[in-house]
Each structure stands twice: as structure tokens, then as C-alpha cells.
Amino acid sequence: MDNVSTNNGKIALTEGKSSATARLTKNQKSGFPALEKKGGTVVGNKGTAQGYPAGTKIPPTKVDIKRP
């Protein structure tokens, strides 16, 4: 996930792609729909956004995929 933020009190998930034709990885293809249906948990600490440490629960949330 490239960006985890809060928008109007709700968690927003954003994945950025560098081109209009950049594909999702195998894990993104399966993981993003799972996040939308079941939610998830932040894991790891490297590069995580402040306010979303490892263990933070993410409610079911649609991942917004941004392309140029």
C-alpha cells in the first residue's frame, strides 16, 4: 500500500501506479479485494505512516488505485 490516510474520519487506502498500464502484483490482485471485504491489520514498521503503527486494524475499505 502506497498511502494510508484519514479522510473525514475514515481510513483511506491508495495505491499509486507509475503508468496507465502498470499492472497490480499477484498479491495486490488478491489482497485488495480482501481488504474491501474483510479489512486487515497493519504489519511491519518500516515506512509506515505516522499514526498507523503495526497492529492497527483497518476496517473493510476499498483501495483507490491512482494512475497518471
PDB file of N, CA and C in Angstrom:
ATOM      1  N   MET A   1       0.846  -1.151   0.000  1.00  0.00           N
ATOM      2  CA  MET A   1       0.000   0.000   0.000  1.00  0.00           C
ATOM      3  C   MET A   1       0.905   1.232   0.000  1.00  0.00           C
ATOM      4  N   ASP A   2       0.642   2.147  -0.911  1.00  0.00           N
ATOM      5  CA  ASP A   2       1.480   3.333  -1.005  1.00  0.00           C
ATOM      6  C   ASP A   2       1.082   4.414  -0.009  1.00  0.00           C
ATOM      7  N   ASN A   3      -0.198   4.503   0.308  1.00  0.00           N
ATOM      8  CA  ASN A   3      -0.629   5.574   1.197  1.00  0.00           C
ATOM      9  C   ASN A   3      -1.812   5.115   2.050  1.00  0.00           C
ATOM     10  N   VAL A   4      -1.677   5.338   3.349  1.00  0.00           N
ATOM     11  CA  VAL A   4      -2.774   5.116   4.288  1.00  0.00           C
ATOM     12  C   VAL A   4      -3.020   6.458   4.948  1.00  0.00           C
ATOM     13  N   SER A   5      -4.243   6.950   4.855  1.00  0.00           N
ATOM     14  CA  SER A   5      -4.546   8.261   5.413  1.00  0.00           C
ATOM     15  C   SER A   5      -5.946   8.259   6.010  1.00  0.00           C
ATOM     16  N   THR A   6      -6.313   9.377   6.579  1.00  0.00           N
ATOM     17  CA  THR A   6      -7.651   9.538   7.134  1.00  0.00           C
ATOM     18  C   THR A   6      -8.339  10.665   6.388  1.00  0.00           C
ATOM     19  N   ASN A   7      -9.560  10.407   5.936  1.00  0.00           N
ATOM     20  CA  ASN A   7     -10.334  11.390   5.192  1.00  0.00           C
ATOM     21  C   ASN A   7     -11.718  11.468   5.829  1.00  0.00           C
ATOM     22  N   ASN A   8     -12.020  12.593   6.441  1.00  0.00           N
ATOM     23  CA  ASN A   8     -13.302  12.780   7.131  1.00  0.00           C
ATOM     24  C   ASN A   8     -13.538  11.707   8.182  1.00  0.00           C
ATOM     25  N   GLY A   9     -12.465  11.319   8.895  1.00  0.00           N
ATOM     26  CA  GLY A   9     -12.571  10.349   9.970  1.00  0.00           C
ATOM     27  C   GLY A   9     -12.535   8.896   9.530  1.00  0.00           C
ATOM     28  N   LYS A  10     -12.470   8.654   8.224  1.00  0.00           N
ATOM     29  CA  LYS A  10     -12.420   7.289   7.703  1.00  0.00           C
ATOM     30  C   LYS A  10     -11.038   7.022   7.124  1.00  0.00           C
ATOM     31  N   ILE A  11     -10.575   5.781   7.266  1.00  0.00           N
ATOM     32  CA  ILE A  11      -9.283   5.403   6.688  1.00  0.00           C
ATOM     33  C   ILE A  11      -9.430   5.332   5.174  1.00  0.00           C
ATOM     34  N   ALA A  12      -8.437   5.892   4.468  1.00  0.00           N
ATOM     35  CA  ALA A  12      -8.387   5.842   3.008  1.00  0.00           C
ATOM     36  C   ALA A  12      -7.119   5.102   2.599  1.00  0.00           C
ATOM     37  N   LEU A  13      -7.240   4.175   1.661  1.00  0.00           N
ATOM     38  CA  LEU A  13      -6.112   3.388   1.176  1.00  0.00           C
ATOM     39  C   LEU A  13      -5.888   3.723  -0.295  1.00  0.00           C
ATOM     40  N   THR A  14      -4.633   4.065  -0.640  1.00  0.00           N
ATOM     41  CA  THR A  14      -4.320   4.452  -2.004  1.00  0.00           C
ATOM     42  C   THR A  14      -3.086   3.712  -2.505  1.00  0.00           C
ATOM     43  N   GLU A  15      -3.189   3.170  -3.691  1.00  0.00           N
ATOM     44  CA  GLU A  15      -2.063   2.536  -4.380  1.00  0.00           C
ATOM     45  C   GLU A  15      -1.776   3.366  -5.622  1.00  0.00           C
ATOM     46  N   GLY A  16      -0.542   3.815  -5.770  1.00  0.00           N
ATOM     47  CA  GLY A  16      -0.154   4.612  -6.929  1.00  0.00           C
ATOM     48  C   GLY A  16       0.581   3.765  -7.950  1.00  0.00           C
ATOM     49  N   LYS A  17       0.235   3.931  -9.202  1.00  0.00           N
ATOM     50  CA  LYS A  17       0.919   3.244 -10.297  1.00  0.00           C
ATOM     51  C   LYS A  17       1.599   4.289 -11.171  1.00  0.00           C
ATOM     52  N   SER A  18       2.771   3.935 -11.707  1.00  0.00           N
ATOM     53  CA  SER A  18       3.592   4.896 -12.438  1.00  0.00           C
ATOM     54  C   SER A  18       3.167   5.098 -13.883  1.00  0.00           C
ATOM     55  N   SER A  19       2.296   4.239 -14.377  1.00  0.00           N
ATOM     56  CA  SER A  19       1.817   4.412 -15.744  1.00  0.00           C
ATOM     57  C   SER A  19       0.367   3.934 -15.833  1.00  0.00           C
ATOM     58  N   ALA A  20      -0.257   4.306 -16.923  1.00  0.00           N
ATOM     59  CA  ALA A  20      -1.657   3.933 -17.130  1.00  0.00           C
ATOM     60  C   ALA A  20      -1.815   2.434 -17.335  1.00  0.00           C
ATOM     61  N   THR A  21      -0.718   1.752 -17.711  1.00  0.00           N
ATOM     62  CA  THR A  21      -0.804   0.322 -17.996  1.00  0.00           C
ATOM     63  C   THR A  21      -0.117  -0.541 -16.936  1.00  0.00           C
ATOM     64  N   ALA A  22       0.407   0.055 -15.875  1.00  0.00           N
ATOM     65  CA  ALA A  22       1.081  -0.716 -14.823  1.00  0.00           C
ATOM     66  C   ALA A  22       0.089  -1.686 -14.184  1.00  0.00           C
ATOM     67  N   ARG A  23       0.514  -2.943 -14.059  1.00  0.00           N
ATOM     68  CA  ARG A  23      -0.363  -3.980 -13.524  1.00  0.00           C
ATOM     69  C   ARG A  23      -0.238  -4.076 -12.015  1.00  0.00           C
ATOM     70  N   LEU A  24      -1.265  -4.649 -11.418  1.00  0.00           N
ATOM     71  CA  LEU A  24      -1.195  -4.983  -9.999  1.00  0.00           C
ATOM     72  C   LEU A  24      -0.368  -6.246  -9.853  1.00  0.00           C
ATOM     73  N   THR A  25       0.336  -6.374  -8.726  1.00  0.00           N
ATOM     74  CA  THR A  25       1.071  -7.597  -8.460  1.00  0.00           C
ATOM     75  C   THR A  25       0.082  -8.710  -8.119  1.00  0.00           C
ATOM     76  N   LYS A  26       0.577  -9.941  -8.086  1.00  0.00           N
ATOM     77  CA  LYS A  26      -0.251 -11.082  -7.713  1.00  0.00           C
ATOM     78  C   LYS A  26      -0.877 -10.866  -6.333  1.00  0.00           C
ATOM     79  N   ASN A  27      -0.068 -10.391  -5.380  1.00  0.00           N
ATOM     80  CA  ASN A  27      -0.575 -10.168  -4.020  1.00  0.00           C
ATOM     81  C   ASN A  27      -1.582  -9.022  -3.973  1.00  0.00           C
ATOM     82  N   GLN A  28      -1.375  -7.987  -4.773  1.00  0.00           N
ATOM     83  CA  GLN A  28      -2.339  -6.887  -4.814  1.00  0.00           C
ATOM     84  C   GLN A  28      -3.663  -7.347  -5.403  1.00  0.00           C
ATOM     85  N   LYS A  29      -3.598  -8.176  -6.439  1.00  0.00           N
ATOM     86  CA  LYS A  29      -4.825  -8.679  -7.077  1.00  0.00           C
ATOM     87  C   LYS A  29      -5.704  -9.444  -6.103  1.00  0.00           C
ATOM     88  N   SER A  30      -5.086 -10.188  -5.205  1.00  0.00           N
ATOM     89  CA  SER A  30      -5.876 -10.955  -4.232  1.00  0.00           C
ATOM     90  C   SER A  30      -6.109 -10.162  -2.943  1.00  0.00           C
ATOM     91  N   GLY A  31      -5.150  -9.337  -2.558  1.00  0.00           N
ATOM     92  CA  GLY A  31      -5.232  -8.624  -1.285  1.00  0.00           C
ATOM     93  C   GLY A  31      -6.196  -7.455  -1.273  1.00  0.00           C
ATOM     94  N   PHE A  32      -6.240  -6.692  -2.357  1.00  0.00           N
ATOM     95  CA  PHE A  32      -7.110  -5.516  -2.371  1.00  0.00           C
ATOM     96  C   PHE A  32      -8.585  -5.882  -2.236  1.00  0.00           C
ATOM     97  N   PRO A  33      -9.090  -6.897  -2.960  1.00  0.00           N
ATOM     98  CA  PRO A  33     -10.483  -7.293  -2.751  1.00  0.00           C
ATOM     99  C   PRO A  33     -10.727  -7.810  -1.326  1.00  0.00           C
ATOM    100  N   ALA A  34      -9.725  -8.498  -0.751  1.00  0.00           N
ATOM    101  CA  ALA A  34      -9.878  -8.992   0.619  1.00  0.00           C
ATOM    102  C   ALA A  34      -9.968  -7.838   1.600  1.00  0.00           C
ATOM    103  N   LEU A  35      -9.164  -6.783   1.397  1.00  0.00           N
ATOM    104  CA  LEU A  35      -9.250  -5.596   2.256  1.00  0.00           C
ATOM    105  C   LEU A  35     -10.632  -4.955   2.166  1.00  0.00           C
ATOM    106  N   GLU A  36     -11.192  -4.935   0.957  1.00  0.00           N
ATOM    107  CA  GLU A  36     -12.510  -4.329   0.770  1.00  0.00           C
ATOM    108  C   GLU A  36     -13.602  -5.133   1.483  1.00  0.00           C
ATOM    109  N   LYS A  37     -13.464  -6.453   1.494  1.00  0.00           N
ATOM    110  CA  LYS A  37     -14.487  -7.301   2.113  1.00  0.00           C
ATOM    111  C   LYS A  37     -14.293  -7.500   3.608  1.00  0.00           C
ATOM    112  N   LYS A  38     -13.033  -7.729   4.030  1.00  0.00           N
ATOM    113  CA  LYS A  38     -12.779  -8.149   5.410  1.00  0.00           C
ATOM    114  C   LYS A  38     -11.977  -7.158   6.245  1.00  0.00           C
ATOM    115  N   GLY A  39     -11.317  -6.181   5.596  1.00  0.00           N
ATOM    116  CA  GLY A  39     -10.412  -5.304   6.337  1.00  0.00           C
ATOM    117  C   GLY A  39      -9.082  -5.999   6.536  1.00  0.00           C
ATOM    118  N   GLY A  40      -8.245  -5.442   7.399  1.00  0.00           N
ATOM    119  CA  GLY A  40      -6.935  -6.035   7.612  1.00  0.00           C
ATOM    120  C   GLY A  40      -6.232  -5.422   8.811  1.00  0.00           C
ATOM    121  N   THR A  41      -4.962  -5.716   8.933  1.00  0.00           N
ATOM    122  CA  THR A  41      -4.145  -5.237  10.033  1.00  0.00           C
ATOM    123  C   THR A  41      -2.818  -4.749   9.477  1.00  0.00           C
ATOM    124  N   VAL A  42      -2.361  -3.579   9.915  1.00  0.00           N
ATOM    125  CA  VAL A  42      -1.061  -3.054   9.504  1.00  0.00           C
ATOM    126  C   VAL A  42       0.014  -3.963  10.090  1.00  0.00           C
ATOM    127  N   VAL A  43       0.961  -4.374   9.253  1.00  0.00           N
ATOM    128  CA  VAL A  43       2.085  -5.195   9.708  1.00  0.00           C
ATOM    129  C   VAL A  43       3.388  -4.499   9.347  1.00  0.00           C
ATOM    130  N   GLY A  44       4.436  -4.790  10.107  1.00  0.00           N
ATOM    131  CA  GLY A  44       5.738  -4.186   9.851  1.00  0.00           C
ATOM    132  C   GLY A  44       5.798  -2.748  10.339  1.00  0.00           C
ATOM    133  N   ASN A  45       7.001  -2.226  10.448  1.00  0.00           N
ATOM    134  CA  ASN A  45       7.172  -0.855  10.928  1.00  0.00           C
ATOM    135  C   ASN A  45       7.931   0.031   9.959  1.00  0.00           C
ATOM    136  N   LYS A  46       8.669  -0.543   9.023  1.00  0.00           N
ATOM    137  CA  LYS A  46       9.474   0.253   8.112  1.00  0.00           C
ATOM    138  C   LYS A  46       8.583   0.986   7.118  1.00  0.00           C
ATOM    139  N   GLY A  47       8.709   2.301   7.084  1.00  0.00           N
ATOM    140  CA  GLY A  47       7.978   3.096   6.116  1.00  0.00           C
ATOM    141  C   GLY A  47       6.504   3.274   6.412  1.00  0.00           C
ATOM    142  N   THR A  48       6.026   2.838   7.570  1.00  0.00           N
ATOM    143  CA  THR A  48       4.610   3.008   7.874  1.00  0.00           C
ATOM    144  C   THR A  48       4.324   4.460   8.213  1.00  0.00           C
ATOM    145  N   ALA A  49       3.150   4.881   7.855  1.00  0.00           N
ATOM    146  CA  ALA A  49       2.740   6.259   8.115  1.00  0.00           C
ATOM    147  C   ALA A  49       2.557   6.488   9.605  1.00  0.00           C
ATOM    148  N   GLN A  50       2.914   7.678  10.027  1.00  0.00           N
ATOM    149  CA  GLN A  50       2.715   8.027  11.427  1.00  0.00           C
ATOM    150  C   GLN A  50       1.224   7.931  11.743  1.00  0.00           C
ATOM    151  N   GLY A  51       0.900   7.315  12.857  1.00  0.00           N
ATOM    152  CA  GLY A  51      -0.498   7.153  13.236  1.00  0.00           C
ATOM    153  C   GLY A  51      -1.077   5.808  12.848  1.00  0.00           C
ATOM    154  N   TYR A  52      -0.307   5.011  12.093  1.00  0.00           N
ATOM    155  CA  TYR A  52      -0.768   3.690  11.675  1.00  0.00           C
ATOM    156  C   TYR A  52       0.326   2.661  11.968  1.00  0.00           C
ATOM    157  N   PRO A  53       0.664   2.467  13.235  1.00  0.00           N
ATOM    158  CA  PRO A  53       1.727   1.512  13.586  1.00  0.00           C
ATOM    159  C   PRO A  53       1.268   0.069  13.376  1.00  0.00           C
ATOM    160  N   ALA A  54       2.240  -0.838  13.392  1.00  0.00           N
ATOM    161  CA  ALA A  54       1.928  -2.263  13.265  1.00  0.00           C
ATOM    162  C   ALA A  54       0.860  -2.642  14.285  1.00  0.00           C
ATOM    163  N   GLY A  55      -0.097  -3.428  13.850  1.00  0.00           N
ATOM    164  CA  GLY A  55      -1.185  -3.855  14.720  1.00  0.00           C
ATOM    165  C   GLY A  55      -2.456  -3.039  14.558  1.00  0.00           C
ATOM    166  N   THR A  56      -2.375  -1.884  13.876  1.00  0.00           N
ATOM    167  CA  THR A  56      -3.564  -1.059  13.652  1.00  0.00           C
ATOM    168  C   THR A  56      -4.560  -1.827  12.787  1.00  0.00           C
ATOM    169  N   LYS A  57      -5.797  -1.910  13.237  1.00  0.00           N
ATOM    170  CA  LYS A  57      -6.854  -2.598  12.494  1.00  0.00           C
ATOM    171  C   LYS A  57      -7.423  -1.660  11.430  1.00  0.00           C
ATOM    172  N   ILE A  58      -7.565  -2.185  10.219  1.00  0.00           N
ATOM    173  CA  ILE A  58      -8.154  -1.444   9.100  1.00  0.00           C
ATOM    174  C   ILE A  58      -9.532  -2.057   8.837  1.00  0.00           C
ATOM    175  N   PRO A  59     -10.593  -1.253   8.923  1.00  0.00           N
ATOM    176  CA  PRO A  59     -11.920  -1.810   8.638  1.00  0.00           C
ATOM    177  C   PRO A  59     -12.045  -2.112   7.140  1.00  0.00           C
ATOM    178  N   PRO A  60     -13.069  -2.844   6.733  1.00  0.00           N
ATOM    179  CA  PRO A  60     -13.244  -3.078   5.288  1.00  0.00           C
ATOM    180  C   PRO A  60     -13.206  -1.746   4.540  1.00  0.00           C
ATOM    181  N   THR A  61     -12.274  -1.635   3.610  1.00  0.00           N
ATOM    182  CA  THR A  61     -12.021  -0.373   2.912  1.00  0.00           C
ATOM    183  C   THR A  61     -11.619  -0.654   1.482  1.00  0.00           C
ATOM    184  N   LYS A  62     -12.219   0.058   0.534  1.00  0.00           N
ATOM    185  CA  LYS A  62     -11.853  -0.060  -0.887  1.00  0.00           C
ATOM    186  C   LYS A  62     -10.504   0.620  -1.108  1.00  0.00           C
ATOM    187  N   VAL A  63      -9.634  -0.016  -1.876  1.00  0.00           N
ATOM    188  CA  VAL A  63      -8.338   0.555  -2.238  1.00  0.00           C
ATOM    189  C   VAL A  63      -8.508   1.376  -3.500  1.00  0.00           C
ATOM    190  N   ASP A  64      -8.132   2.651  -3.434  1.00  0.00           N
ATOM    191  CA  ASP A  64      -8.200   3.552  -4.583  1.00  0.00           C
ATOM    192  C   ASP A  64      -6.886   3.429  -5.346  1.00  0.00           C
ATOM    193  N   ILE A  65      -6.960   3.015  -6.597  1.00  0.00           N
ATOM    194  CA  ILE A  65      -5.760   2.862  -7.427  1.00  0.00           C
ATOM    195  C   ILE A  65      -5.639   4.089  -8.315  1.00  0.00           C
ATOM    196  N   LYS A  66      -4.552   4.833  -8.127  1.00  0.00           N
ATOM    197  CA  LYS A  66      -4.311   6.074  -8.879  1.00  0.00           C
ATOM    198  C   LYS A  66      -3.316   5.806  -9.999  1.00  0.00           C
ATOM    199  N   ARG A  67      -3.665   6.220 -11.184  1.00  0.00           N
ATOM    200  CA  ARG A  67      -2.793   6.097 -12.352  1.00  0.00           C
ATOM    201  C   ARG A  67      -2.727   7.454 -13.045  1.00  0.00           C
ATOM    202  N   PRO A  68      -1.575   7.719 -13.727  1.00  0.00           N
ATOM    203  CA  PRO A  68      -1.466   9.015 -14.416  1.00  0.00           C
ATOM    204  C   PRO A  68      -2.430   9.117 -15.586  1.00  0.00           C
TER     205      PRO A  68
END
